[in-house]
Protein backbone atom coordinates (compact mmCIF):
# COMPACT_ATOMS: atom_id res chain seq x y z
CA MET A 1 186.60 5.07 193.69
CA LYS A 2 185.23 5.27 190.15
CA SER A 3 186.18 8.44 188.33
CA LEU A 4 183.38 10.82 187.39
CA ALA A 5 184.25 10.07 183.77
CA ARG A 6 182.71 6.64 184.32
CA LEU A 7 179.34 8.07 185.31
CA ALA A 8 176.70 6.28 183.28
CA LEU A 9 173.57 8.38 183.12
CA SER A 10 170.51 7.54 181.14
CA THR A 11 167.07 8.73 180.28
CA GLY A 12 166.28 5.00 180.18
CA ALA A 13 164.84 2.52 177.78
CA LEU A 14 161.18 2.60 178.74
CA LEU A 15 159.15 -0.12 177.07
CA LEU A 16 155.41 -0.12 177.66
CA SER A 17 154.03 -3.47 176.62
CA GLY A 18 151.45 -3.53 173.88
CA CYS A 19 151.44 -7.09 172.52
CA SER A 20 148.83 -9.77 173.09
CA LYS A 21 148.95 -11.53 176.43
CA ASP A 22 151.07 -14.70 176.37
CA THR A 23 148.81 -16.58 178.81
CA PRO A 24 145.61 -15.70 180.66
CA GLU A 25 147.14 -16.51 184.05
CA VAL A 26 146.23 -13.41 186.03
CA PRO A 27 143.38 -15.03 187.97
CA ASP A 28 142.73 -12.24 190.45
CA ALA A 29 143.38 -9.23 188.25
CA GLY A 30 139.98 -8.93 186.56
CA PRO A 31 139.47 -7.71 182.99
CA PRO A 32 141.81 -5.05 181.56
CA ALA A 33 140.68 -1.48 182.03
CA THR A 34 141.29 1.59 179.91
CA GLY A 35 144.93 2.64 180.16
CA THR A 36 146.03 -0.78 181.37
CA ALA A 37 149.18 -2.31 179.86
CA VAL A 38 149.30 -5.93 178.70
CA GLU A 39 151.43 -8.56 180.43
CA ARG A 40 154.23 -9.90 178.25
CA THR A 41 155.91 -12.08 180.91
CA ASP A 42 159.62 -11.87 181.67
CA TYR A 43 160.82 -13.97 178.74
CA VAL A 44 159.50 -13.04 175.30
CA ASP A 45 160.69 -15.60 172.75
CA VAL A 46 162.95 -14.30 169.98
CA LEU A 47 164.77 -16.50 167.47
CA PRO A 48 168.15 -14.95 166.61
CA ASP A 49 168.74 -14.52 162.88
CA VAL A 50 171.57 -17.04 162.54
CA PRO A 51 171.91 -19.76 159.86
CA CYS A 52 173.65 -22.24 162.17
CA ALA A 53 170.45 -23.30 163.98
CA ASP A 54 169.48 -26.97 163.73
CA PRO A 55 166.03 -27.89 162.34
CA ASP A 56 165.52 -30.18 165.35
CA TYR A 57 167.13 -29.13 168.62
CA ARG A 58 167.08 -32.78 169.77
CA ALA A 59 169.27 -33.89 166.84
CA PRO A 60 172.39 -31.69 166.94
CA ARG A 61 174.64 -31.62 163.91
CA ALA A 62 177.47 -30.04 165.90
CA ASN A 63 179.66 -31.52 168.61
CA CYS A 64 181.40 -29.93 171.60
CA GLU A 65 184.95 -30.32 170.28
CA ASP A 66 185.14 -28.92 166.77
CA PRO A 67 183.92 -25.45 165.69
CA GLY A 68 183.88 -26.83 162.13
CA SER A 69 181.00 -29.11 163.14
CA PHE A 70 178.70 -26.05 163.30
CA ASN A 71 177.10 -24.84 160.09
CA LEU A 72 178.75 -21.41 159.95
CA SER A 73 178.76 -21.00 156.17
CA GLY A 74 176.40 -18.02 156.26
CA CYS A 75 178.09 -16.33 159.21
CA ASP A 76 180.36 -13.28 159.38
CA LEU A 77 183.33 -14.77 161.21
CA ALA A 78 185.68 -11.93 160.26
CA ALA A 79 183.60 -9.57 162.42
CA PHE A 80 185.00 -11.26 165.54
CA GLY A 81 188.45 -9.96 164.71
CA ALA A 82 187.29 -6.36 165.06
CA ARG A 83 185.88 -6.69 168.57
CA SER A 84 187.66 -6.80 171.92
CA PRO A 85 188.83 -10.29 172.98
CA TYR A 86 187.99 -9.35 176.58
CA GLY A 87 184.78 -8.74 178.49
CA THR A 88 181.96 -10.19 180.58
CA TYR A 89 178.84 -11.29 178.73
CA ARG A 90 175.39 -12.52 179.66
CA ALA A 91 173.48 -14.65 177.16
CA VAL A 92 170.05 -16.10 176.59
CA LEU A 93 170.40 -19.67 175.30
CA ARG A 94 167.28 -20.80 173.42
CA TYR A 95 166.66 -24.36 172.25
CA HIS A 96 163.04 -24.12 171.17
CA ALA A 97 160.13 -21.70 171.43
CA GLU A 98 159.36 -20.72 175.03
CA SER A 99 162.33 -22.74 176.32
CA ALA A 100 165.44 -20.79 177.19
CA PHE A 101 167.88 -20.22 180.02
CA GLY A 102 170.45 -17.63 181.00
CA ALA A 103 174.20 -18.17 180.98
CA GLY A 104 177.30 -16.03 181.26
CA PHE A 105 180.84 -16.08 179.97
CA ARG A 106 184.01 -14.08 180.45
CA LEU A 107 186.62 -13.61 177.74
CA GLY A 108 190.30 -13.18 178.55
CA LEU A 109 193.04 -14.82 180.56
CA ASP A 110 190.61 -15.85 183.32
CA GLY A 111 187.90 -16.91 180.87
CA THR A 112 184.84 -18.78 182.12
CA LEU A 113 181.56 -20.16 180.79
CA MET A 114 178.73 -20.67 183.27
CA GLY A 115 181.24 -20.18 186.06
CA ARG A 116 183.59 -22.91 184.81
CA PRO A 117 187.10 -22.33 183.40
CA LEU A 118 187.21 -22.38 179.62
CA VAL A 119 188.57 -25.54 178.05
CA ARG A 120 188.91 -23.74 174.73
CA GLN A 121 188.69 -20.07 173.82
CA GLN A 122 188.88 -18.58 170.34
CA SER A 123 187.86 -15.03 169.55
CA ASP A 124 189.59 -13.59 166.49
CA ALA A 125 189.14 -13.05 162.75
CA ARG A 126 188.88 -16.83 162.25
CA GLY A 127 185.78 -17.02 164.44
CA PHE A 128 184.40 -17.35 167.95
CA PHE A 129 184.31 -20.65 169.88
CA LEU A 130 184.06 -21.34 173.63
CA THR A 131 183.82 -24.61 175.56
CA ALA A 132 183.67 -25.41 179.27
CA GLU A 133 182.81 -28.54 181.20
CA TYR A 134 181.91 -29.79 184.64
CA THR A 135 181.52 -33.15 186.33
CA MET A 136 178.01 -33.96 187.51
CA PRO A 137 177.26 -35.77 190.80
CA SER A 138 176.77 -38.93 188.73
CA LYS A 139 180.39 -38.49 187.51
CA ALA A 140 179.18 -37.82 183.98
CA VAL A 141 181.08 -35.02 182.23
CA GLN A 142 178.86 -32.33 180.73
CA ARG A 143 180.20 -29.80 178.25
CA TYR A 144 178.74 -26.74 176.54
CA ALA A 145 180.15 -25.30 173.31
CA LEU A 146 179.25 -21.89 171.86
CA ALA A 147 180.05 -20.97 168.26
CA GLY A 148 179.66 -17.32 167.27
CA CYS A 149 177.99 -16.42 164.00
CA ARG A 150 177.45 -12.67 163.92
CA VAL A 151 178.18 -9.38 165.68
CA PRO A 152 174.92 -7.49 165.00
CA GLU A 153 176.11 -4.44 166.94
CA PRO A 154 178.99 -3.49 169.25
CA GLY A 155 178.91 -5.54 172.45
CA ARG A 156 176.55 -8.19 171.06
CA ILE A 157 177.23 -11.72 169.77
CA THR A 158 174.74 -14.17 168.28
CA GLY A 159 175.38 -17.78 167.37
CA CYS A 160 174.63 -21.41 168.21
CA PHE A 161 175.40 -23.80 171.05
CA VAL A 162 175.37 -27.51 171.77
CA ARG A 163 175.39 -29.49 175.01
CA CYS A 164 177.14 -32.84 175.29
CA THR A 165 177.35 -35.46 178.03
CA ASN A 166 180.32 -37.83 177.99
CA GLY A 167 181.08 -36.55 174.50
CA VAL A 168 177.62 -37.27 173.06
CA PRO A 169 175.68 -34.24 171.72
CA GLU A 170 172.29 -34.02 173.49
CA TYR A 171 170.58 -30.87 172.31
CA ALA A 172 171.38 -27.64 170.51
CA GLY A 173 170.07 -24.14 170.09
CA THR A 174 170.93 -20.50 169.54
CA PHE A 175 172.33 -17.79 171.80
CA ASP A 176 172.15 -14.02 172.00
CA ALA A 177 174.83 -12.48 174.24
CA ARG A 178 175.50 -8.92 175.31
CA ARG A 179 178.52 -7.46 176.99
CA MET A 180 177.78 -6.19 180.48
CA ASN A 181 179.04 -2.65 180.04
CA TRP A 182 177.24 0.59 179.32
CA GLU A 183 179.17 1.88 176.33
CA ASN A 184 175.99 2.51 174.34
CA GLU A 185 174.02 4.23 177.13
CA PRO A 186 172.69 7.73 176.33
CA ASN A 187 173.29 10.59 178.75
CA SER A 188 170.85 11.96 181.31
CA SER A 189 170.62 15.54 182.49
CA PHE A 190 170.39 14.51 186.16
CA PRO A 191 173.58 12.80 187.35
CA LEU A 192 173.76 10.41 190.28
CA ILE A 193 176.99 11.58 191.88
CA PRO A 194 179.20 9.04 193.70
CA VAL A 195 180.61 10.18 197.03
CA SER A 196 182.53 7.06 198.05
CA GLU A 197 183.15 3.40 197.27
CA THR A 198 184.33 1.02 200.01
CA ALA A 199 185.22 -2.67 199.86
CA VAL A 200 183.30 -5.04 202.14
CA PRO A 201 185.58 -7.61 203.82
CA LEU A 202 183.10 -10.48 204.28
CA GLY A 203 181.80 -12.73 201.48
CA ASP A 204 179.44 -11.23 198.92
CA PRO A 205 177.57 -8.13 200.21
CA VAL A 206 173.82 -8.29 199.51
CA ASP A 207 171.93 -5.81 201.70
CA VAL A 208 172.44 -2.66 203.78
CA TYR A 209 170.57 -0.71 206.45
CA VAL A 210 171.58 2.77 207.61
CA THR A 211 170.85 4.15 211.07
CA LYS A 212 172.73 6.06 213.78
CA ASP A 213 175.31 7.25 211.21
CA HIS A 214 176.31 3.63 210.57
CA ALA A 215 175.80 1.38 207.56
CA TYR A 216 175.15 -2.26 208.44
CA VAL A 217 176.08 -4.44 205.47
CA VAL A 218 175.21 -8.14 205.46
CA SER A 219 176.93 -10.70 203.25
CA VAL A 220 176.47 -14.28 202.13
CA PRO A 221 179.38 -16.74 201.88
CA ARG A 222 181.53 -16.66 198.76
CA GLY A 223 183.27 -19.98 198.17
CA THR A 224 185.26 -20.66 201.30
CA GLU A 225 184.83 -17.06 202.54
CA ALA A 226 182.29 -16.65 205.31
CA GLY A 227 179.56 -14.04 205.13
CA GLY A 228 178.30 -12.00 208.07
CA LEU A 229 177.91 -8.37 209.15
CA SER A 230 180.25 -5.47 208.37
CA VAL A 231 179.65 -2.22 210.29
CA PHE A 232 180.75 1.07 208.72
CA ASP A 233 180.76 4.49 210.38
CA VAL A 234 179.38 6.77 207.66
CA THR A 235 179.45 10.03 209.59
CA ASP A 236 181.83 11.21 206.86
CA LYS A 237 180.07 9.95 203.71
CA ALA A 238 183.19 10.44 201.63
CA HIS A 239 185.28 8.27 203.96
CA PRO A 240 183.31 5.38 205.53
CA VAL A 241 185.27 3.67 208.30
CA LEU A 242 184.97 -0.06 208.98
CA ARG A 243 184.32 -0.47 212.71
CA THR A 244 183.82 -4.21 213.07
CA THR A 245 182.86 -7.45 211.36
CA LEU A 246 181.07 -10.41 212.91
CA ASN A 247 179.24 -13.65 212.26
CA LEU A 248 178.39 -16.80 214.22
CA PRO A 249 179.91 -20.29 214.13
CA ASN A 250 178.51 -22.15 211.10
CA ASP A 251 176.06 -19.30 210.61
CA SER A 252 177.03 -16.57 208.16
CA TYR A 253 174.54 -16.72 205.29
CA TRP A 254 173.04 -13.35 206.22
CA ASN A 255 170.86 -12.02 203.42
CA GLY A 256 168.70 -9.22 204.90
CA VAL A 257 168.97 -6.51 207.57
CA TRP A 258 166.72 -3.92 209.25
CA ALA A 259 166.84 -1.81 212.42
CA LYS A 260 164.38 -0.33 214.91
CA GLY A 261 165.61 1.78 217.79
CA ASP A 262 168.52 -0.03 219.45
CA ALA A 263 167.73 -3.35 217.76
CA LEU A 264 169.28 -4.72 214.58
CA TYR A 265 167.49 -7.62 212.87
CA ILE A 266 169.43 -9.94 210.57
CA ALA A 267 167.89 -12.56 208.27
CA SER A 268 169.89 -15.76 208.70
CA ALA A 269 169.57 -18.86 206.54
CA ASN A 270 170.53 -20.98 209.54
CA SER A 271 168.88 -19.55 212.65
CA GLY A 272 166.01 -17.27 211.60
CA VAL A 273 166.02 -13.67 212.81
CA ILE A 274 169.16 -12.74 214.75
CA VAL A 275 168.75 -9.80 217.13
CA TYR A 276 171.69 -7.54 217.97
CA ASP A 277 171.77 -4.64 220.42
CA ILE A 278 173.21 -1.55 218.70
CA THR A 279 173.00 0.83 221.66
CA ASP A 280 176.65 1.33 220.75
CA PRO A 281 176.19 1.43 216.96
CA ALA A 282 179.83 0.56 216.24
CA ALA A 283 179.80 -2.58 218.42
CA PRO A 284 176.66 -4.75 218.01
CA GLN A 285 176.02 -7.17 220.86
CA TYR A 286 174.30 -10.52 220.25
CA VAL A 287 170.93 -10.89 221.98
CA ARG A 288 169.33 -14.07 220.56
CA ALA A 289 167.93 -15.76 217.47
CA LEU A 290 164.20 -16.13 216.81
CA PRO A 291 161.91 -18.03 216.77
CA GLY A 292 164.40 -20.71 217.84
CA GLY A 293 165.88 -23.78 216.20
CA ALA A 294 167.01 -24.27 212.62
CA ILE A 295 165.00 -22.06 210.26
CA ASN A 296 165.84 -20.17 207.09
CA VAL A 297 164.85 -16.49 207.03
CA HIS A 298 165.76 -14.73 203.79
CA THR A 299 164.54 -11.14 204.23
CA VAL A 300 163.08 -8.89 206.94
CA PHE A 301 160.81 -5.83 206.91
CA VAL A 302 159.71 -3.54 209.75
CA GLU A 303 156.66 -1.30 209.77
CA GLY A 304 155.68 0.40 213.02
CA ASP A 305 155.73 -2.20 215.80
CA ARG A 306 155.69 -5.19 213.47
CA LEU A 307 158.56 -7.20 212.09
CA TYR A 308 157.91 -9.49 209.12
CA ALA A 309 160.43 -12.25 208.42
CA MET A 310 160.14 -14.14 205.14
CA SER A 311 161.13 -17.79 205.58
CA PRO A 312 161.73 -20.10 202.58
CA ALA A 313 162.20 -23.22 204.73
CA PRO A 314 161.14 -25.43 206.27
CA ASN A 315 157.55 -24.25 205.81
CA GLY A 316 157.53 -21.43 203.23
CA GLU A 317 155.91 -18.91 205.58
CA THR A 318 156.11 -15.35 206.86
CA LEU A 319 156.79 -14.88 210.57
CA LEU A 320 155.11 -11.90 212.22
CA PHE A 321 156.65 -10.44 215.39
CA ASP A 322 155.57 -7.68 217.76
CA VAL A 323 158.56 -5.35 218.20
CA ALA A 324 156.99 -2.68 220.42
CA SER A 325 159.98 -3.53 222.63
CA PRO A 326 162.57 -3.69 219.81
CA LEU A 327 165.09 -5.86 221.67
CA ASP A 328 162.41 -8.29 222.82
CA PRO A 329 160.39 -9.43 219.74
CA LYS A 330 157.31 -11.57 220.38
CA LEU A 331 156.12 -14.04 217.74
CA LEU A 332 152.48 -13.26 216.90
CA SER A 333 151.78 -15.59 214.00
CA ARG A 334 153.06 -17.66 211.09
CA ILE A 335 151.44 -16.58 207.84
CA SER A 336 151.00 -19.04 204.98
CA VAL A 337 149.27 -18.64 201.62
CA PRO A 338 148.09 -21.25 199.11
CA ARG A 339 151.13 -22.06 197.00
CA ALA A 340 151.32 -22.68 193.27
CA ASP A 341 153.80 -25.49 193.87
CA ALA A 342 155.89 -27.02 196.63
CA THR A 343 158.93 -24.89 195.75
CA SER A 344 157.17 -21.54 196.19
CA TYR A 345 158.07 -19.41 199.21
CA PRO A 346 157.85 -15.79 200.39
CA HIS A 347 161.04 -14.15 199.15
CA ASP A 348 160.39 -10.55 200.15
CA ALA A 349 157.49 -8.41 201.33
CA PHE A 350 156.41 -4.82 201.84
CA ALA A 351 153.99 -3.77 204.60
CA TYR A 352 151.80 -0.75 203.91
CA GLN A 353 148.52 0.45 205.47
CA ASP A 354 147.44 -2.84 207.07
CA ARG A 355 148.32 -4.84 203.97
CA LEU A 356 151.29 -7.08 203.34
CA TYR A 357 152.46 -7.31 199.74
CA VAL A 358 154.33 -10.60 199.41
CA ASN A 359 156.66 -11.65 196.60
CA HIS A 360 155.83 -15.33 196.77
CA SER A 361 158.25 -16.50 194.04
CA THR A 362 156.42 -18.88 191.65
CA THR A 363 153.02 -18.28 193.28
CA GLY A 364 153.20 -14.64 192.24
CA TYR A 365 152.62 -11.29 193.90
CA VAL A 366 150.15 -11.77 196.77
CA VAL A 367 148.29 -9.13 198.81
CA LEU A 368 147.25 -10.01 202.38
CA ASP A 369 145.10 -8.24 204.95
CA VAL A 370 147.21 -8.10 208.14
CA THR A 371 144.88 -5.97 210.23
CA ARG A 372 144.73 -8.91 212.63
CA PRO A 373 147.84 -11.04 213.11
CA ASP A 374 145.83 -14.24 213.63
CA VAL A 375 143.63 -13.91 210.51
CA THR A 376 145.38 -12.83 207.30
CA PRO A 377 143.12 -13.41 204.28
CA VAL A 378 144.42 -13.17 200.71
CA LEU A 379 142.91 -10.07 199.09
CA GLY A 380 144.35 -10.55 195.61
CA ARG A 381 147.15 -11.91 193.50
CA TYR A 382 149.04 -10.94 190.35
CA ALA A 383 150.62 -13.89 188.56
CA PHE A 384 151.67 -15.01 185.10
CA ALA A 385 153.38 -17.97 183.46
CA GLY A 386 157.05 -18.32 184.36
CA GLN A 387 156.90 -15.77 187.18
CA TYR A 388 159.39 -15.60 190.02
CA SER A 389 158.21 -12.64 192.09
CA HIS A 390 161.13 -11.28 194.06
CA ALA A 391 160.86 -7.72 195.45
CA ASN A 392 158.46 -4.77 195.62
CA ALA A 393 157.75 -1.31 196.99
CA VAL A 394 154.34 0.31 197.55
CA GLY A 395 153.13 3.88 198.01
CA THR A 396 150.25 6.27 197.41
CA ILE A 397 150.52 8.34 194.23
CA GLY A 398 147.70 10.53 192.95
CA GLY A 399 145.24 9.03 195.40
CA ARG A 400 145.91 5.46 194.21
CA THR A 401 147.89 2.68 195.85
CA ILE A 402 150.71 1.86 193.45
CA ALA A 403 153.05 -1.11 193.66
CA PHE A 404 156.39 -1.53 191.91
CA GLU A 405 157.31 -5.19 191.49
CA GLY A 406 160.06 -7.25 189.91
CA GLY A 407 161.26 -10.82 189.58
CA GLU A 408 164.71 -12.37 189.61
CA ARG A 409 165.75 -14.25 186.48
CA PHE A 410 167.03 -13.27 183.05
CA GLY A 411 164.59 -10.77 181.55
CA ALA A 412 163.00 -9.91 184.92
CA HIS A 413 162.07 -6.24 184.94
CA LEU A 414 160.02 -3.51 186.61
CA ARG A 415 156.23 -3.70 186.68
CA VAL A 416 153.99 -0.85 187.82
CA LEU A 417 150.72 -2.12 189.30
CA ASP A 418 147.60 -0.34 190.53
CA VAL A 419 146.76 -2.31 193.69
CA THR A 420 144.13 0.09 195.06
CA ASP A 421 141.65 -2.77 194.71
CA PRO A 422 143.72 -5.92 195.37
CA ALA A 423 141.00 -8.10 193.82
CA ARG A 424 141.42 -6.24 190.53
CA ILE A 425 145.14 -5.51 190.21
CA ARG A 426 145.94 -3.60 187.02
CA LEU A 427 149.24 -3.54 185.16
CA LEU A 428 149.99 0.10 184.28
CA ALA A 429 153.48 -0.06 182.80
CA GLN A 430 156.64 -2.08 182.39
CA VAL A 431 160.24 -0.89 182.27
CA LYS A 432 162.63 -3.32 180.62
CA LYS A 433 166.38 -3.34 180.26
CA ARG A 434 168.48 -5.96 178.47
CA ALA A 435 166.84 -9.39 178.27
CA GLN A 436 170.06 -10.99 179.53
CA THR A 437 169.93 -9.19 182.90
CA SER A 438 167.67 -9.10 185.98
CA ILE A 439 166.21 -6.46 188.24
CA HIS A 440 166.72 -6.88 192.01
CA ASN A 441 165.65 -4.57 194.89
CA MET A 442 163.88 -1.21 195.03
CA VAL A 443 162.99 1.68 197.37
CA ILE A 444 160.16 4.19 196.95
CA LYS A 445 160.49 7.73 198.36
CA GLY A 446 157.57 9.96 197.51
CA THR A 447 157.38 9.90 193.72
CA ARG A 448 160.92 8.67 193.19
CA LEU A 449 161.75 5.02 192.74
CA TYR A 450 165.32 3.83 193.36
CA VAL A 451 166.26 0.47 191.86
CA ALA A 452 169.27 -1.81 192.32
CA TRP A 453 169.27 -3.55 188.93
CA TYR A 454 172.28 -5.91 189.02
CA HIS A 455 174.37 -5.31 185.83
CA GLU A 456 172.13 -2.37 184.91
CA GLY A 457 173.45 -0.55 187.99
CA VAL A 458 171.49 1.99 190.02
CA ARG A 459 168.43 3.48 188.31
CA VAL A 460 166.29 6.35 189.58
CA PHE A 461 162.80 6.99 188.20
CA ASP A 462 160.30 9.80 188.52
CA VAL A 463 157.00 7.95 188.98
CA ALA A 464 154.68 10.92 189.55
CA ASP A 465 152.75 9.48 186.61
CA PRO A 466 152.88 5.76 187.42
CA ALA A 467 151.86 4.79 183.89
CA LEU A 468 154.84 6.68 182.45
CA PRO A 469 157.94 6.19 184.64
CA GLN A 470 160.77 8.50 183.59
CA GLU A 471 164.36 7.55 184.32
CA ILE A 472 166.16 10.60 185.65
CA ALA A 473 169.51 9.28 186.85
CA SER A 474 171.69 6.20 186.87
CA PHE A 475 175.14 4.89 187.72
CA ASP A 476 177.02 1.84 186.47
CA THR A 477 178.36 0.11 189.60
CA PHE A 478 179.35 -3.12 187.83
CA GLU A 479 183.00 -3.43 186.83
CA GLU A 480 183.43 -6.37 184.46
CA PHE A 481 187.17 -6.61 185.15
CA HIS A 482 186.94 -6.29 188.92
CA PRO A 483 188.91 -9.17 190.50
CA ARG A 484 185.74 -10.36 192.29
CA SER A 485 183.45 -10.14 189.27
CA THR A 486 182.07 -13.34 187.75
CA ASP A 487 179.93 -14.32 184.76
CA SER A 488 176.91 -14.94 187.04
CA LEU A 489 173.51 -13.28 186.65
CA TYR A 490 173.88 -12.18 190.29
CA GLN A 491 176.47 -9.43 189.81
CA GLY A 492 176.31 -5.67 190.18
CA ALA A 493 173.96 -3.50 192.27
CA ILE A 494 171.93 -5.74 194.59
CA GLY A 495 170.73 -3.83 197.67
CA MET A 496 170.03 -0.21 198.63
CA ARG A 497 168.65 2.21 201.20
CA VAL A 498 167.56 5.84 200.95
CA PRO A 499 167.28 6.84 204.63
CA GLY A 500 166.45 10.49 204.03
CA ASP A 501 169.81 11.96 205.01
CA GLY A 502 170.49 13.24 201.50
CA TYR A 503 172.36 10.13 200.36
CA VAL A 504 171.71 6.82 198.61
CA TYR A 505 173.52 3.74 199.95
CA VAL A 506 174.03 0.84 197.54
CA VAL A 507 175.78 -2.50 197.85
CA ASP A 508 177.35 -4.02 194.75
CA LEU A 509 178.40 -7.68 194.87
CA PRO A 510 181.98 -7.31 193.60
CA SER A 511 182.71 -3.70 194.59
CA GLY A 512 181.12 -3.25 198.04
CA LEU A 513 179.40 -0.19 199.53
CA PHE A 514 178.67 2.89 197.42
CA VAL A 515 177.40 6.21 198.75
CA PHE A 516 175.75 8.63 196.30
CA GLN A 517 174.28 12.08 196.63
CA GLU A 518 170.51 11.84 196.54
CA PRO A 519 169.36 13.43 193.25
């Protein structure tokens, strides 16, 4: 259990965009209206102020073996001796304008770079230099090398990198890395109070659903560890009790979970929607998998007597079931939308007032009319260059239909959209955290928005004025030195539920199940 001294509470870093639009790709949004924010996309290009950058990224001067091959003459190498030689960092690696990617590294005895053990690690008054390598399927050996140049502020490192294949430098660029802790976070006057923290025994926990005084946590495999379902009795919120764990043979990539009555629905990457009978909530009994055969279902959502199952493969579609009899779902239709490219698929969705709001990855945020299951026209779409729409929540605030949407990549953040008229979706506000991190899932309750924001922890916003979200509470769930922590983007708070019992339930990838008092 984290001590209360580790509470990280923040009024938030609210950034409302005001720059010119990067691209005009919002085809269904219509012209901006008064009070509408301007889309800046997830990644806004910034060139770090470091003298080691090459004039041509395709002609590196540095190699992957020798820190002396980098032009560090104008750098402050002594600054690296004053900072901690330990920590987990996320970085944005940029090699030319509009072209960048995210990467992580861990400093210390178990040091890694992009998930690979460090071949070399230097972090002292003489400078900062990291290298790691991996063997590609072609047997070629690829290596990255990072040379630090400056420490602009505590917890931040800027510098240059180079990539080499079989010892030959291929391209180079700059990096801007930040440590994944909250030491510089300001305080908030409304604390999110932790009640308990419980380890999850299966794989990496990714989602939770709470019903019948039980928390149903689903996990995906972690290395050789299988994923599956872990069932906790949370009658005593301060002392959750693990009742059982289960999965199926060769079927344990379970990414989403929902319940209705005595039925539990699990999103399986192998067999679609798995139905369990939870008449006895502590001992789920397998019923069957739907719709039958090998199919990947990534997330599930229930509204009324309808179950929506978002399926990335094989067809990139949303399955719609009638669950008037919860333990006996009936397939009503398979919903498809025009895709931006062959890789696009429905990742998540939110059903609200006869509309389905679909996070269709690279196609964007799509609104469908689902009044009839057999005819589901597209009413509107919000999209921009480089989008990977991932999760959303929708509600009525001040007589308008407001959507909260976010992607999943470095820089992905919270967008507030007026979707009252889906053919003219308006961007009202954006809330951004560190560019090196990503938002994940969210829950709306009245005028409060609860967000699981990976390394940025749990964030709670007052959204009574949708154009001016105010962060009122937060908690740092991510522990950089946890034995199950990695340098991946996908670390920290990932899934949550606010069932209305006075508590907030959050799953964190390394740490497991958290229970908080509802603020």
